[in-house]
Amino acid sequence: MNDDGNVRANDAILILRKVAGLGAPNKELVKSETVKIMLDTVYGKIGESITVPLKVDNASILAGGDVCITYDSSVLQIAGVSSKSDVLMASNTSKPGLVRISFASADITCHTPAIAELKFTVIADNISPLEIKSAVLYRSDARAVDIKKVDGKFTSWATTPEKSALLQNFPNPFNPETWIPYQLKEASEIKIRIYTASGELVREISFGYKPAGIYIGRDRAAYWDGKNEAGEAVASGVYFYTIKAGNFIEAKKMTIVR
């Protein structure tokens, strides 16, 4: 329908708009804007299933797209690709290490930031890039928009990081509880201490001996319930937290909002 001789998602966009009786798109909605297309950084371990959302910002100006994603097939095995029911989508996963996705919708207002979800099975405890090899995104008039690609990455929990690190707690600010992620280059006994802004010790929590690895996510990160040693909820304010893992010590700041 667009006379370029190739069948792409933009052809489906024009067909869907015609079938839906939407007519020509509103010119105010098709002004030139840059759209960021992104894959997340995700974690897991061998035997687990993981989900990687393919997300866009400024989704309201989009009506479809053609995307090619690559991954390391020695680490991840594709299990499927899905999308919302109101999005017409086709995918091809027949070639290991490569996922091709085309999607379209008659109504550009229906999109959510996650336009598709890629499901993988972890088959090796290693690292795999998740790369947007190519992407063309279309407006409701079937013209391509400018894009910025942000690649993702899969890392096994069992991968030994290059260095130990204390990471930012989440959520932050928080009420009433939070999780404190970290990573260990070497196996160590783990202690987390919470201090007031004036340096008074609020809570010390021992997490025992932990092997080298990555401790991110609610099922692995250190947990604090927002209470002091007496079991009392602490007041709103800025607090500092530290980690001690062998000779490694680091501190960060967090905020409680009651």
C-alpha atoms as a PDB file:
ATOM      1  CA  MET A   1       0.000   0.000   0.000  1.00  0.00           C
ATOM      2  CA  ASN A   2       2.977   2.323   0.340  1.00  0.00           C
ATOM      3  CA  ASP A   3       4.502   1.415  -3.061  1.00  0.00           C
ATOM      4  CA  ASP A   4       7.985   0.570  -1.742  1.00  0.00           C
ATOM      5  CA  GLY A   5       7.831  -3.010  -3.030  1.00  0.00           C
ATOM      6  CA  ASN A   6       8.450  -4.594   0.389  1.00  0.00           C
ATOM      7  CA  VAL A   7       6.012  -6.011   2.943  1.00  0.00           C
ATOM      8  CA  ARG A   8       6.724  -4.601   6.396  1.00  0.00           C
ATOM      9  CA  ALA A   9       4.853  -3.580   9.535  1.00  0.00           C
ATOM     10  CA  ASN A  10       4.006  -0.215   7.980  1.00  0.00           C
ATOM     11  CA  ASP A  11       1.909  -1.999   5.344  1.00  0.00           C
ATOM     12  CA  ALA A  12      -0.064  -3.701   8.122  1.00  0.00           C
ATOM     13  CA  ILE A  13      -0.568  -0.331   9.834  1.00  0.00           C
ATOM     14  CA  LEU A  14      -2.236   1.137   6.753  1.00  0.00           C
ATOM     15  CA  ILE A  15      -4.402  -1.957   6.283  1.00  0.00           C
ATOM     16  CA  LEU A  16      -5.483  -1.982   9.929  1.00  0.00           C
ATOM     17  CA  ARG A  17      -6.401   1.691   9.849  1.00  0.00           C
ATOM     18  CA  LYS A  18      -8.481   1.133   6.719  1.00  0.00           C
ATOM     19  CA  VAL A  19     -10.266  -1.921   8.179  1.00  0.00           C
ATOM     20  CA  ALA A  20     -10.909  -0.071  11.451  1.00  0.00           C
ATOM     21  CA  GLY A  21     -12.337   2.898   9.554  1.00  0.00           C
ATOM     22  CA  LEU A  22      -9.848   5.305  11.105  1.00  0.00           C
ATOM     23  CA  GLY A  23      -9.014   7.085   7.871  1.00  0.00           C
ATOM     24  CA  ALA A  24      -5.997   9.340   7.578  1.00  0.00           C
ATOM     25  CA  PRO A  25      -4.016   9.851  10.813  1.00  0.00           C
ATOM     26  CA  ASN A  26      -4.172  13.117  12.700  1.00  0.00           C
ATOM     27  CA  LYS A  27      -1.225  15.228  11.532  1.00  0.00           C
ATOM     28  CA  GLU A  28      -0.692  16.460  15.080  1.00  0.00           C
ATOM     29  CA  LEU A  29       0.128  12.883  16.087  1.00  0.00           C
ATOM     30  CA  VAL A  30       2.701  12.227  13.393  1.00  0.00           C
ATOM     31  CA  LYS A  31       5.193  14.997  14.000  1.00  0.00           C
ATOM     32  CA  SER A  32       8.833  13.947  13.969  1.00  0.00           C
ATOM     33  CA  GLU A  33      10.031  12.727  17.359  1.00  0.00           C
ATOM     34  CA  THR A  34      12.747  10.371  18.577  1.00  0.00           C
ATOM     35  CA  VAL A  35      11.635   7.130  20.219  1.00  0.00           C
ATOM     36  CA  LYS A  36      13.871   5.112  22.524  1.00  0.00           C
ATOM     37  CA  ILE A  37      13.594   1.322  22.137  1.00  0.00           C
ATOM     38  CA  MET A  38      15.042  -0.691  25.004  1.00  0.00           C
ATOM     39  CA  LEU A  39      15.798  -4.166  26.343  1.00  0.00           C
ATOM     40  CA  ASP A  40      16.188  -4.724  30.083  1.00  0.00           C
ATOM     41  CA  THR A  41      19.161  -6.046  32.028  1.00  0.00           C
ATOM     42  CA  VAL A  42      17.980  -9.309  33.592  1.00  0.00           C
ATOM     43  CA  TYR A  43      19.328 -12.014  35.900  1.00  0.00           C
ATOM     44  CA  GLY A  44      18.703 -15.702  36.488  1.00  0.00           C
ATOM     45  CA  LYS A  45      20.364 -19.098  36.705  1.00  0.00           C
ATOM     46  CA  ILE A  46      20.498 -22.324  34.742  1.00  0.00           C
ATOM     47  CA  GLY A  47      17.106 -24.018  34.423  1.00  0.00           C
ATOM     48  CA  GLU A  48      15.106 -20.863  35.155  1.00  0.00           C
ATOM     49  CA  SER A  49      12.728 -19.049  32.828  1.00  0.00           C
ATOM     50  CA  ILE A  50      13.268 -15.318  32.354  1.00  0.00           C
ATOM     51  CA  THR A  51      11.162 -12.643  30.669  1.00  0.00           C
ATOM     52  CA  VAL A  52      12.742  -9.754  28.783  1.00  0.00           C
ATOM     53  CA  PRO A  53      10.378  -6.886  27.902  1.00  0.00           C
ATOM     54  CA  LEU A  54      10.954  -4.958  24.699  1.00  0.00           C
ATOM     55  CA  LYS A  55      10.025  -1.411  25.698  1.00  0.00           C
ATOM     56  CA  VAL A  56       9.659   1.967  24.071  1.00  0.00           C
ATOM     57  CA  ASP A  57       9.215   5.452  25.432  1.00  0.00           C
ATOM     58  CA  ASN A  58       6.971   7.964  23.675  1.00  0.00           C
ATOM     59  CA  ALA A  59       4.822   4.969  22.694  1.00  0.00           C
ATOM     60  CA  SER A  60       1.733   7.049  21.924  1.00  0.00           C
ATOM     61  CA  ILE A  61       3.145   8.188  18.573  1.00  0.00           C
ATOM     62  CA  LEU A  62       3.797   4.613  17.367  1.00  0.00           C
ATOM     63  CA  ALA A  63       1.639   2.311  15.276  1.00  0.00           C
ATOM     64  CA  GLY A  64       4.054  -0.537  14.560  1.00  0.00           C
ATOM     65  CA  GLY A  65       7.579  -1.644  13.869  1.00  0.00           C
ATOM     66  CA  ASP A  66      10.084  -4.238  12.675  1.00  0.00           C
ATOM     67  CA  VAL A  67      12.721  -5.281  15.209  1.00  0.00           C
ATOM     68  CA  CYS A  68      15.615  -7.747  15.112  1.00  0.00           C
ATOM     69  CA  ILE A  69      17.158  -8.917  18.415  1.00  0.00           C
ATOM     70  CA  THR A  70      20.241 -11.079  18.934  1.00  0.00           C
ATOM     71  CA  TYR A  71      21.354 -13.127  21.953  1.00  0.00           C
ATOM     72  CA  ASP A  72      23.891 -15.839  22.814  1.00  0.00           C
ATOM     73  CA  SER A  73      22.190 -19.158  22.035  1.00  0.00           C
ATOM     74  CA  SER A  74      24.757 -21.060  24.126  1.00  0.00           C
ATOM     75  CA  VAL A  75      23.429 -19.251  27.225  1.00  0.00           C
ATOM     76  CA  LEU A  76      19.746 -18.642  26.449  1.00  0.00           C
ATOM     77  CA  GLN A  77      17.109 -20.640  24.586  1.00  0.00           C
ATOM     78  CA  ILE A  78      14.105 -18.740  23.240  1.00  0.00           C
ATOM     79  CA  ALA A  79      10.778 -20.093  24.514  1.00  0.00           C
ATOM     80  CA  GLY A  80       8.370 -17.636  22.916  1.00  0.00           C
ATOM     81  CA  VAL A  81       7.390 -14.061  22.114  1.00  0.00           C
ATOM     82  CA  SER A  82       4.100 -12.483  23.188  1.00  0.00           C
ATOM     83  CA  SER A  83       2.324  -9.127  23.061  1.00  0.00           C
ATOM     84  CA  LYS A  84      -0.902  -7.478  24.190  1.00  0.00           C
ATOM     85  CA  SER A  85      -4.069  -8.826  22.587  1.00  0.00           C
ATOM     86  CA  ASP A  86      -4.765  -5.502  20.848  1.00  0.00           C
ATOM     87  CA  VAL A  87      -1.441  -5.569  18.997  1.00  0.00           C
ATOM     88  CA  LEU A  88      -1.048  -7.587  15.798  1.00  0.00           C
ATOM     89  CA  MET A  89       2.357  -9.270  16.065  1.00  0.00           C
ATOM     90  CA  ALA A  90       4.380 -11.857  14.168  1.00  0.00           C
ATOM     91  CA  SER A  91       7.708 -13.299  15.310  1.00  0.00           C
ATOM     92  CA  ASN A  92      10.336 -15.622  13.887  1.00  0.00           C
ATOM     93  CA  THR A  93      12.619 -17.500  16.291  1.00  0.00           C
ATOM     94  CA  SER A  94      13.688 -20.332  13.982  1.00  0.00           C
ATOM     95  CA  LYS A  95      17.347 -19.273  13.875  1.00  0.00           C
ATOM     96  CA  PRO A  96      19.165 -19.731  17.227  1.00  0.00           C
ATOM     97  CA  GLY A  97      20.451 -16.433  18.559  1.00  0.00           C
ATOM     98  CA  LEU A  98      18.039 -14.331  16.503  1.00  0.00           C
ATOM     99  CA  VAL A  99      14.492 -13.042  17.110  1.00  0.00           C
ATOM    100  CA  ARG A 100      12.591 -11.101  14.465  1.00  0.00           C
ATOM    101  CA  ILE A 101       9.447  -9.218  15.498  1.00  0.00           C
ATOM    102  CA  SER A 102       6.928  -7.231  13.464  1.00  0.00           C
ATOM    103  CA  PHE A 103       3.988  -5.534  15.179  1.00  0.00           C
ATOM    104  CA  ALA A 104       1.183  -3.164  14.247  1.00  0.00           C
ATOM    105  CA  SER A 105      -1.994  -1.668  15.673  1.00  0.00           C
ATOM    106  CA  ALA A 106      -4.813   0.363  14.184  1.00  0.00           C
ATOM    107  CA  ASP A 107      -4.999   2.638  17.238  1.00  0.00           C
ATOM    108  CA  ILE A 108      -1.755   4.310  18.261  1.00  0.00           C
ATOM    109  CA  THR A 109      -3.167   5.172  21.695  1.00  0.00           C
ATOM    110  CA  CYS A 110      -3.366   1.523  22.738  1.00  0.00           C
ATOM    111  CA  HIS A 111       0.342   0.889  23.224  1.00  0.00           C
ATOM    112  CA  THR A 112       2.003   0.349  26.580  1.00  0.00           C
ATOM    113  CA  PRO A 113       5.768   0.779  27.152  1.00  0.00           C
ATOM    114  CA  ALA A 114       6.268  -3.014  26.763  1.00  0.00           C
ATOM    115  CA  ILE A 115       5.359  -3.745  23.155  1.00  0.00           C
ATOM    116  CA  ALA A 116       6.484  -7.382  23.403  1.00  0.00           C
ATOM    117  CA  GLU A 117       7.874  -9.882  25.901  1.00  0.00           C
ATOM    118  CA  LEU A 118      10.604 -12.366  25.046  1.00  0.00           C
ATOM    119  CA  LYS A 119      10.670 -15.515  27.168  1.00  0.00           C
ATOM    120  CA  PHE A 120      13.909 -17.482  27.504  1.00  0.00           C
ATOM    121  CA  THR A 121      15.139 -20.576  29.308  1.00  0.00           C
ATOM    122  CA  VAL A 122      18.594 -20.231  30.857  1.00  0.00           C
ATOM    123  CA  ILE A 123      20.770 -23.112  29.640  1.00  0.00           C
ATOM    124  CA  ALA A 124      24.184 -21.976  30.937  1.00  0.00           C
ATOM    125  CA  ASP A 125      25.394 -19.921  33.892  1.00  0.00           C
ATOM    126  CA  ASN A 126      27.108 -17.235  31.884  1.00  0.00           C
ATOM    127  CA  ILE A 127      26.534 -13.796  30.338  1.00  0.00           C
ATOM    128  CA  SER A 128      24.583 -13.068  27.158  1.00  0.00           C
ATOM    129  CA  PRO A 129      24.203  -9.730  25.384  1.00  0.00           C
ATOM    130  CA  LEU A 130      20.646  -8.800  24.427  1.00  0.00           C
ATOM    131  CA  GLU A 131      21.188  -6.589  21.426  1.00  0.00           C
ATOM    132  CA  ILE A 132      18.717  -4.687  19.267  1.00  0.00           C
ATOM    133  CA  LYS A 133      20.505  -5.427  16.019  1.00  0.00           C
ATOM    134  CA  SER A 134      18.091  -3.391  13.931  1.00  0.00           C
ATOM    135  CA  ALA A 135      14.793  -1.596  14.442  1.00  0.00           C
ATOM    136  CA  VAL A 136      12.424   0.469  12.338  1.00  0.00           C
ATOM    137  CA  LEU A 137       9.443   2.015  14.142  1.00  0.00           C
ATOM    138  CA  TYR A 138       6.509   3.601  12.364  1.00  0.00           C
ATOM    139  CA  ARG A 139       4.029   6.376  13.059  1.00  0.00           C
ATOM    140  CA  SER A 140       0.326   6.068  12.262  1.00  0.00           C
ATOM    141  CA  ASP A 141       0.971   7.379   8.734  1.00  0.00           C
ATOM    142  CA  ALA A 142       3.377   4.434   8.220  1.00  0.00           C
ATOM    143  CA  ARG A 143       6.454   6.683   8.084  1.00  0.00           C
ATOM    144  CA  ALA A 144       9.531   5.708  10.082  1.00  0.00           C
ATOM    145  CA  VAL A 145      10.500   7.651  13.210  1.00  0.00           C
ATOM    146  CA  ASP A 146      13.980   8.405  14.516  1.00  0.00           C
ATOM    147  CA  ILE A 147      15.053   5.889  17.149  1.00  0.00           C
ATOM    148  CA  LYS A 148      17.648   5.445  19.858  1.00  0.00           C
ATOM    149  CA  LYS A 149      18.531   1.839  20.740  1.00  0.00           C
ATOM    150  CA  VAL A 150      19.380   0.733  24.290  1.00  0.00           C
ATOM    151  CA  ASP A 151      20.656  -2.845  24.490  1.00  0.00           C
ATOM    152  CA  GLY A 152      20.125  -5.176  27.428  1.00  0.00           C
ATOM    153  CA  LYS A 153      22.094  -7.979  29.020  1.00  0.00           C
ATOM    154  CA  PHE A 154      21.534 -11.298  30.786  1.00  0.00           C
ATOM    155  CA  THR A 155      23.821 -12.244  33.655  1.00  0.00           C
ATOM    156  CA  SER A 156      23.657 -15.481  35.626  1.00  0.00           C
ATOM    157  CA  TRP A 157      23.494 -15.143  39.394  1.00  0.00           C
ATOM    158  CA  ALA A 158      26.360 -17.643  39.493  1.00  0.00           C
ATOM    159  CA  THR A 159      28.686 -15.417  37.465  1.00  0.00           C
ATOM    160  CA  THR A 160      31.548 -14.099  39.576  1.00  0.00           C
ATOM    161  CA  PRO A 161      31.666 -10.283  39.290  1.00  0.00           C
ATOM    162  CA  GLU A 162      34.951  -8.492  38.665  1.00  0.00           C
ATOM    163  CA  LYS A 163      34.641  -6.623  41.966  1.00  0.00           C
ATOM    164  CA  SER A 164      32.515  -6.510  45.098  1.00  0.00           C
ATOM    165  CA  ALA A 165      29.985  -3.685  45.263  1.00  0.00           C
ATOM    166  CA  LEU A 166      27.143  -2.315  47.343  1.00  0.00           C
ATOM    167  CA  LEU A 167      24.264  -1.172  45.137  1.00  0.00           C
ATOM    168  CA  GLN A 168      21.398   1.266  45.623  1.00  0.00           C
ATOM    169  CA  ASN A 169      18.512   0.012  47.714  1.00  0.00           C
ATOM    170  CA  PHE A 170      15.075  -0.362  46.160  1.00  0.00           C
ATOM    171  CA  PRO A 171      12.549   1.048  46.395  1.00  0.00           C
ATOM    172  CA  ASN A 172      14.035   4.362  47.436  1.00  0.00           C
ATOM    173  CA  PRO A 173      12.471   6.380  49.000  1.00  0.00           C
ATOM    174  CA  PHE A 174      10.535   3.596  50.716  1.00  0.00           C
ATOM    175  CA  ASN A 175       7.901   2.778  53.308  1.00  0.00           C
ATOM    176  CA  PRO A 176       7.962   0.484  55.196  1.00  0.00           C
ATOM    177  CA  GLU A 177      10.531  -1.964  53.738  1.00  0.00           C
ATOM    178  CA  THR A 178      13.410  -2.057  51.301  1.00  0.00           C
ATOM    179  CA  TRP A 179      15.914  -4.406  49.662  1.00  0.00           C
ATOM    180  CA  ILE A 180      19.666  -3.826  49.515  1.00  0.00           C
ATOM    181  CA  PRO A 181      21.411  -5.445  46.513  1.00  0.00           C
ATOM    182  CA  TYR A 182      25.119  -6.235  46.362  1.00  0.00           C
ATOM    183  CA  GLN A 183      27.661  -8.359  44.529  1.00  0.00           C
ATOM    184  CA  LEU A 184      30.624 -10.351  45.813  1.00  0.00           C
ATOM    185  CA  LYS A 185      33.885 -11.102  44.072  1.00  0.00           C
ATOM    186  CA  GLU A 186      34.770 -13.552  46.848  1.00  0.00           C
ATOM    187  CA  ALA A 187      32.718 -15.605  49.279  1.00  0.00           C
ATOM    188  CA  SER A 188      32.295 -13.791  52.604  1.00  0.00           C
ATOM    189  CA  GLU A 189      30.286 -13.352  55.764  1.00  0.00           C
ATOM    190  CA  ILE A 190      27.809 -10.528  55.134  1.00  0.00           C
ATOM    191  CA  LYS A 191      26.772  -7.832  57.600  1.00  0.00           C
ATOM    192  CA  ILE A 192      24.550  -4.854  56.829  1.00  0.00           C
ATOM    193  CA  ARG A 193      24.441  -1.914  59.249  1.00  0.00           C
ATOM    194  CA  ILE A 194      21.904   0.923  59.204  1.00  0.00           C
ATOM    195  CA  TYR A 195      22.818   4.346  60.645  1.00  0.00           C
ATOM    196  CA  THR A 196      21.007   7.626  61.203  1.00  0.00           C
ATOM    197  CA  ALA A 197      22.281  10.740  59.426  1.00  0.00           C
ATOM    198  CA  SER A 198      24.085  11.645  62.666  1.00  0.00           C
ATOM    199  CA  GLY A 199      25.926   8.302  62.741  1.00  0.00           C
ATOM    200  CA  GLU A 200      23.892   6.454  65.387  1.00  0.00           C
ATOM    201  CA  LEU A 201      23.633   2.689  64.768  1.00  0.00           C
ATOM    202  CA  VAL A 202      20.007   1.743  64.142  1.00  0.00           C
ATOM    203  CA  ARG A 203      20.252  -1.915  63.144  1.00  0.00           C
ATOM    204  CA  GLU A 204      22.837  -4.584  62.396  1.00  0.00           C
ATOM    205  CA  ILE A 205      21.731  -7.561  60.313  1.00  0.00           C
ATOM    206  CA  SER A 206      23.882 -10.634  59.685  1.00  0.00           C
ATOM    207  CA  PHE A 207      23.150 -12.637  56.535  1.00  0.00           C
ATOM    208  CA  GLY A 208      25.674 -15.396  57.082  1.00  0.00           C
ATOM    209  CA  TYR A 209      28.204 -16.795  54.648  1.00  0.00           C
ATOM    210  CA  LYS A 210      27.463 -16.003  51.009  1.00  0.00           C
ATOM    211  CA  PRO A 211      29.322 -17.414  47.989  1.00  0.00           C
ATOM    212  CA  ALA A 212      30.695 -15.135  45.296  1.00  0.00           C
ATOM    213  CA  GLY A 213      27.930 -13.954  42.996  1.00  0.00           C
ATOM    214  CA  ILE A 214      25.294 -11.348  42.294  1.00  0.00           C
ATOM    215  CA  TYR A 215      22.608 -10.611  44.888  1.00  0.00           C
ATOM    216  CA  ILE A 216      20.045  -8.480  43.078  1.00  0.00           C
ATOM    217  CA  GLY A 217      16.273  -8.869  43.199  1.00  0.00           C
ATOM    218  CA  ARG A 218      13.903  -9.398  46.110  1.00  0.00           C
ATOM    219  CA  ASP A 219      14.660 -13.103  46.332  1.00  0.00           C
ATOM    220  CA  ARG A 220      18.434 -12.550  46.775  1.00  0.00           C
ATOM    221  CA  ALA A 221      19.149  -9.014  48.011  1.00  0.00           C
ATOM    222  CA  ALA A 222      19.473  -8.133  51.709  1.00  0.00           C
ATOM    223  CA  TYR A 223      16.139  -7.154  53.275  1.00  0.00           C
ATOM    224  CA  TRP A 224      15.400  -4.477  55.873  1.00  0.00           C
ATOM    225  CA  ASP A 225      11.946  -4.067  57.363  1.00  0.00           C
ATOM    226  CA  GLY A 226      12.508  -0.426  58.375  1.00  0.00           C
ATOM    227  CA  LYS A 227      12.763  -1.269  62.089  1.00  0.00           C
ATOM    228  CA  ASN A 228      15.459  -0.769  64.724  1.00  0.00           C
ATOM    229  CA  GLU A 229      16.989  -3.388  67.028  1.00  0.00           C
ATOM    230  CA  ALA A 230      13.971  -3.090  69.358  1.00  0.00           C
ATOM    231  CA  GLY A 231      11.554  -3.888  66.531  1.00  0.00           C
ATOM    232  CA  GLU A 232      10.241  -0.328  66.340  1.00  0.00           C
ATOM    233  CA  ALA A 233       9.574   1.407  63.018  1.00  0.00           C
ATOM    234  CA  VAL A 234      12.149   4.145  62.497  1.00  0.00           C
ATOM    235  CA  ALA A 235      11.151   7.727  61.711  1.00  0.00           C
ATOM    236  CA  SER A 236      11.124   9.355  58.293  1.00  0.00           C
ATOM    237  CA  GLY A 237      14.456  10.740  57.188  1.00  0.00           C
ATOM    238  CA  VAL A 238      17.791  10.044  55.552  1.00  0.00           C
ATOM    239  CA  TYR A 239      19.735   6.959  56.666  1.00  0.00           C
ATOM    240  CA  PHE A 240      23.023   5.385  55.684  1.00  0.00           C
ATOM    241  CA  TYR A 241      23.621   1.685  55.135  1.00  0.00           C
ATOM    242  CA  THR A 242      26.926  -0.167  54.977  1.00  0.00           C
ATOM    243  CA  ILE A 243      28.021  -3.618  53.941  1.00  0.00           C
ATOM    244  CA  LYS A 244      30.947  -5.558  55.401  1.00  0.00           C
ATOM    245  CA  ALA A 245      32.109  -8.562  53.400  1.00  0.00           C
ATOM    246  CA  GLY A 246      35.555  -9.671  54.504  1.00  0.00           C
ATOM    247  CA  ASN A 247      37.816  -6.673  53.928  1.00  0.00           C
ATOM    248  CA  PHE A 248      35.279  -4.980  51.670  1.00  0.00           C
ATOM    249  CA  ILE A 249      33.276  -2.116  53.222  1.00  0.00           C
ATOM    250  CA  GLU A 250      31.052   0.352  51.385  1.00  0.00           C
ATOM    251  CA  ALA A 251      28.264   2.777  52.316  1.00  0.00           C
ATOM    252  CA  LYS A 252      25.273   4.348  50.583  1.00  0.00           C
ATOM    253  CA  LYS A 253      22.365   6.640  51.454  1.00  0.00           C
ATOM    254  CA  MET A 254      18.627   5.896  51.526  1.00  0.00           C
ATOM    255  CA  THR A 255      15.434   7.702  52.513  1.00  0.00           C
ATOM    256  CA  ILE A 256      12.354   6.621  54.457  1.00  0.00           C
ATOM    257  CA  VAL A 257       9.113   8.513  53.886  1.00  0.00           C
ATOM    258  CA  ARG A 258       6.396   7.549  56.366  1.00  0.00           C
END
